[in-house]
Structures are given as C-alpha cells and as structure tokens.
Amino acid sequence: MASIVLVYSLYILMSKQTKARWKIIFNLVIFFGFIGLIYALREQIVDSIQQIDKVDWRVLLLLPVWQALNYHAYAKQNQQLFAILGYHIKYKFLYRVNLELNFVNLVLPSGGLSGFSYFSLRMKDRKVSGTSASLVNLLRFVLVFITFQVILFLALIMLSFSGQVNGFILLVGGSLSTLIMVGTLIVGFIIGSNRRINLFFGFITKVLNRLIHFFRPKHPETINVARAKQAFEDLHNNYLIVKRNYMDLKMPIIWSLVANITEILTIYSVYIAFGQWVNPGAVILAFAVANFAGFLSVLPSGLGVYEALMTAVLAVGGIPPSLSIPVTVMYRVLSIGIQVIPGYYLYYTRKKSVQAK
C-alpha cells in the first residue's frame, strides 16, 4: 500500500505535459503487450474462432436485455436523486439522456469528465441548475462504486472457494476496495464543509487560471472566481439536502446495485454463449480492473488497454487467454455496438434539433 501511495504522490507532482507523456507510454506498453499476447497465442485463438459456429447465439440475445435494464436502472437512480433535490424529471427523458451520455463517454476518452459536462448541459433543458446536475452525476458514480464493493467482496469469496486466490488477486481486490472507499470518504469530506469545499476548489480554480494565463497572457481570469465560489456553495447546499434526506437514498442504492449486476451479466452471458461456465469471481475482478483502466486510457473506450488488462486478470483467475481473448473481444464489439448505435442516433438527433432552433 505504501508503494501505491508513493507512486500516486509522484504522479500528482508531475507536470501536465509529463502526465500526458506517461499516459501515452502506459497505453502503448499495454497495447503492444496485448498485440504480443495475441501473436503468442494465435494458434489457440484461431482454434477458438473456428469454434464460433458452436456459439449459442440465443444466449447473446440476452445482451440487449441486460443493457436495456442497465439504462433503466440508471434512469431510475437519476430520477430519484433529482427528486431528493426537489426536481421531478420524467423517466423517459432520463433514459434517453443516459443513452446519449454513454455514447459521449465511449467516444471521448476523458475518464467520464466529458459525461459530466454533457449531463449538466442536457439537464438545463429541464431547468436543473448545473451544480444540482453535477451533484447527481457525482452521486451516480459514488453509489455505483460503493455498491460494487459488495460485488467485489462476493467475487473474492467465489475465487477462494475455487482455490484460485493468490497474493496478486488479493492485492488487486484489496487495492480496488481501498481506492473506492478512500475516494468516497475524501469526496464526502470535501463537500461536507463549506469551508473545505471553497478552499479545495478555490485552490484548483486559481491554479487553473494561472496555467491558462501562461498560455493566454491576455486572460488573467478565464474562470470567474466569484462565479466558481457561488457554484461551490450551491454544490455544498445541495449536498446538505441529500444528507438531511439520506433515508431517501435507499432506492438509488438498489438501482446502483442493479446497474452493476446487469453489467456483469452482460459479459458473463458471452461466456455462457461459448459454452463456458467460468468462475464469476474472476470475471467480476477483471471487469473492475479493466474499467478503472478507462481513467488512464487516451484511446476511445480504452480500446486495447481494456482487453489487455481484462485478459491478464482473467488469466490469473484461472481462465486461459485462448478463451478469454475471443470472449472479451466479442463482448466489447457487441456491447459497444448496442450502446453506440442508439446513443449516436439520439445524440445527433438532439444536436440537429438544437441547431434548427
């Protein structure tokens, strides 16, 4: 754990250019490592692909069902979080926004930051303030991460029963759990106090203004400090509303759990289609690692990086790469297709309607 903290501290101290350079190096190393793995296992992979006619395509028809339920869960979660803040947003609108949001996050590799901006923009159509939309989107991630802790714990138990737990698996699972918990506590600590939130975000605002001023000397205050301070206070006040009504978080937590379960079922269904009832614990852990890698990826949807990390963790969990690579690739192609096609259509339909006004 000490080594993780040291690496993270060094990362924070790096300049923006250095971080970008290391991100590219990190992605290239993993991407070419994945290509090398495919080459080394080319014969086994070809054998697996040749068995494609044995794939049960009826099982793959479950993938759109799981994804539809996933969007349903997020729409219901958002709807109930907005209700706590006093906004009554229609379910149909939120379902559509979540489809658009997923398309934006898939296409733009920004670790979810593009989604935050787009979500706030879309909520303006329903007279929702930017700070309220940001808080709901933040709670969306926090609740999903917290509920995933339960699934991750069950994954480790499943792996322990199979006798496939080793030091690396425990380290990965423990590190992810720690990161999720510590990150949640830090976010809660910061926005829980008006003074802390102003100090933290005020500092970030000033640093960003100085950086921008370096490249744009004629703009000493690109981000209006007074307006930013008001936004931070609004965020804190909205947080207090949620805190006072914490009992109302029961259903959003349940829907967050449903969202996680449907994501796991999506990939596990592909294994079943291949006729392989593998250990769900390995799949859950690999899914978690691959998704966290999305925050470091400079490629859309973490292409290459996602597949490489998922394959590596599955191998440690006892699932051979000759099976996990074709399954992972098929899962990615089908799931991204299911998400991108309707998301693309809704995103550009909305864009054209705005331009026509």
Foldseek 3Di string as FASTA:
>chain_A
DVVVVVVVVVLVPDDPVVLVVVLVVVLVVLLVVLVVVCVVCVVLLVVLVVCVVLFQVVLLVCLLVLVLLLLLLQLVLLQLLVVLLPAHDDSVLSSLLVLLLVLQQQAALALSPSSLVSQLVSCVVRVDHSLSSNLSVVVLVLLLLVLLLVVLVVLVVLLVVVVLDDPVSCVLSVVSSVCSVVVSVVVCVQLQDLVSVCVVVLVVQQVVLVVVCVVVVVRSRPDDSVVVSVSSVVNSVSVVSCVVVVVSCVSSSVSSNSSLVSVLSLLQSLCVSSVHNDRSSLQSSLQSVLSVCSNSHNHRNSPSNSLSSSLVSSVSSPDHSSRSNVSVVVSVVVNCVSSNPSNVVSNVVVVVVVVVD
